[in-house]
C-alpha atoms as a PDB file:
ATOM      1  CA  MET A   1      21.061 103.645  99.955  1.00  0.00           C
ATOM      2  CA  VAL A   2      18.201 103.340  98.405  1.00  0.00           C
ATOM      3  CA  SER A   3      19.726 102.211  95.159  1.00  0.00           C
ATOM      4  CA  PHE A   4      21.726  99.861  96.610  1.00  0.00           C
ATOM      5  CA  VAL A   5      18.509  97.826  98.568  1.00  0.00           C
ATOM      6  CA  LEU A   6      17.083  97.844  94.930  1.00  0.00           C
ATOM      7  CA  LEU A   7      21.080  96.065  93.385  1.00  0.00           C
ATOM      8  CA  ILE A   8      20.311  93.890  96.542  1.00  0.00           C
ATOM      9  CA  ILE A   9      17.079  92.737  95.622  1.00  0.00           C
ATOM     10  CA  GLY A  10      17.757  92.653  91.160  1.00  0.00           C
ATOM     11  CA  GLY A  11      20.140  90.485  92.358  1.00  0.00           C
ATOM     12  CA  LEU A  12      18.747  88.102  94.537  1.00  0.00           C
ATOM     13  CA  ASN A  13      15.848  88.253  91.637  1.00  0.00           C
ATOM     14  CA  TRP A  14      18.382  86.729  89.036  1.00  0.00           C
ATOM     15  CA  GLY A  15      19.964  84.475  91.223  1.00  0.00           C
ATOM     16  CA  LEU A  16      16.870  83.056  92.105  1.00  0.00           C
ATOM     17  CA  VAL A  17      15.241  83.101  88.135  1.00  0.00           C
ATOM     18  CA  GLY A  18      19.424  81.203  87.407  1.00  0.00           C
ATOM     19  CA  LEU A  19      18.545  77.764  90.345  1.00  0.00           C
ATOM     20  CA  GLY A  20      14.416  78.297  89.178  1.00  0.00           C
ATOM     21  CA  GLY A  21      15.706  77.265  85.274  1.00  0.00           C
ATOM     22  CA  PHE A  22      18.153  74.850  87.040  1.00  0.00           C
ATOM     23  CA  ALA A  23      15.337  73.486  88.954  1.00  0.00           C
ATOM     24  CA  GLY A  24      12.853  73.889  85.962  1.00  0.00           C
ATOM     25  CA  GLY A  25      10.775  76.075  88.020  1.00  0.00           C
ATOM     26  CA  ASN A  26       9.855  80.018  87.744  1.00  0.00           C
ATOM     27  CA  TRP A  27      11.395  82.041  90.677  1.00  0.00           C
ATOM     28  CA  ASN A  28      11.495  84.856  89.190  1.00  0.00           C
ATOM     29  CA  VAL A  29       9.810  87.168  92.454  1.00  0.00           C
ATOM     30  CA  VAL A  30       9.350  89.846  91.004  1.00  0.00           C
ATOM     31  CA  ASN A  31       7.012  88.236  88.621  1.00  0.00           C
ATOM     32  CA  MET A  32       5.864  86.558  91.186  1.00  0.00           C
ATOM     33  CA  ILE A  33       4.911  89.727  93.266  1.00  0.00           C
ATOM     34  CA  PHE A  34       3.718  92.100  90.319  1.00  0.00           C
ATOM     35  CA  GLY A  35       3.084  89.591  87.665  1.00  0.00           C
ATOM     36  CA  SER A  36      -0.529  90.799  87.767  1.00  0.00           C
ATOM     37  CA  TRP A  37       0.830  94.093  86.534  1.00  0.00           C
ATOM     38  CA  PRO A  38       3.328  93.993  83.635  1.00  0.00           C
ATOM     39  CA  THR A  39       3.918  97.695  83.625  1.00  0.00           C
ATOM     40  CA  LEU A  40       4.786  97.748  87.611  1.00  0.00           C
ATOM     41  CA  GLU A  41       7.033  94.798  86.985  1.00  0.00           C
ATOM     42  CA  TRP A  42       8.748  96.640  84.033  1.00  0.00           C
ATOM     43  CA  LEU A  43       9.002  99.681  86.089  1.00  0.00           C
ATOM     44  CA  VAL A  44      10.973  97.385  89.192  1.00  0.00           C
ATOM     45  CA  TYR A  45      12.969  96.306  86.771  1.00  0.00           C
ATOM     46  CA  VAL A  46      14.255  99.747  84.681  1.00  0.00           C
ATOM     47  CA  LEU A  47      14.369 101.359  88.565  1.00  0.00           C
ATOM     48  CA  VAL A  48      17.271  98.188  89.337  1.00  0.00           C
ATOM     49  CA  GLY A  49      18.281  98.745  86.158  1.00  0.00           C
ATOM     50  CA  LEU A  50      18.914 103.139  86.804  1.00  0.00           C
ATOM     51  CA  ALA A  51      20.167 101.566  90.561  1.00  0.00           C
ATOM     52  CA  ALA A  52      22.873  99.729  88.809  1.00  0.00           C
ATOM     53  CA  LEU A  53      24.211 102.707  86.670  1.00  0.00           C
ATOM     54  CA  TRP A  54      24.276 105.490  90.319  1.00  0.00           C
ATOM     55  CA  GLU A  55      26.431 102.745  91.898  1.00  0.00           C
ATOM     56  CA  LEU A  56      28.475 102.380  89.146  1.00  0.00           C
ATOM     57  CA  PHE A  57      29.233 106.077  87.986  1.00  0.00           C
ATOM     58  CA  MET A  58      29.211 106.259  91.995  1.00  0.00           C
ATOM     59  CA  HIS A  59      31.908 104.434  92.258  1.00  0.00           C
ATOM     60  CA  LYS A  60      33.990 105.439  89.471  1.00  0.00           C
ATOM     61  CA  LYS A  61      33.743 109.036  91.105  1.00  0.00           C
ATOM     62  CA  GLN A  62      35.159 107.315  94.680  1.00  0.00           C
ATOM     63  CA  GLY A  63      37.447 105.630  92.699  1.00  0.00           C
ATOM     64  CA  MET A  64      39.221 102.196  94.235  1.00  0.00           C
ATOM     65  CA  GLY A  65      39.144 103.217  98.098  1.00  0.00           C
ATOM     66  CA  GLY A  66      36.692 101.325  98.915  1.00  0.00           C
ATOM     67  CA  MET A  67      38.155  97.314  97.374  1.00  0.00           C
ATOM     68  CA  GLY A  68      40.389  96.823  99.897  1.00  0.00           C
ATOM     69  CA  GLY A  69      43.222  98.029  98.327  1.00  0.00           C
ATOM     70  CA  SER A  70      46.226  96.326  99.226  1.00  0.00           C
ATOM     71  CA  MET A  71      46.368  92.738  99.982  1.00  0.00           C
END
């Protein structure tokens, strides 16, 4: 569950970074919150990356059963 929440946070943050780039602003929420502590900001990015690897590994381990198989 923690890895899923981290993926949501990371995905939303990257979406906002992209939208901010089009709008000419810096909408990196992680940077806005932890910008004065770069090490903590990097730690959040590492945790999001590890969460993605965890979810990928668990998804492969469980197979495609959770993907709605038939159409």
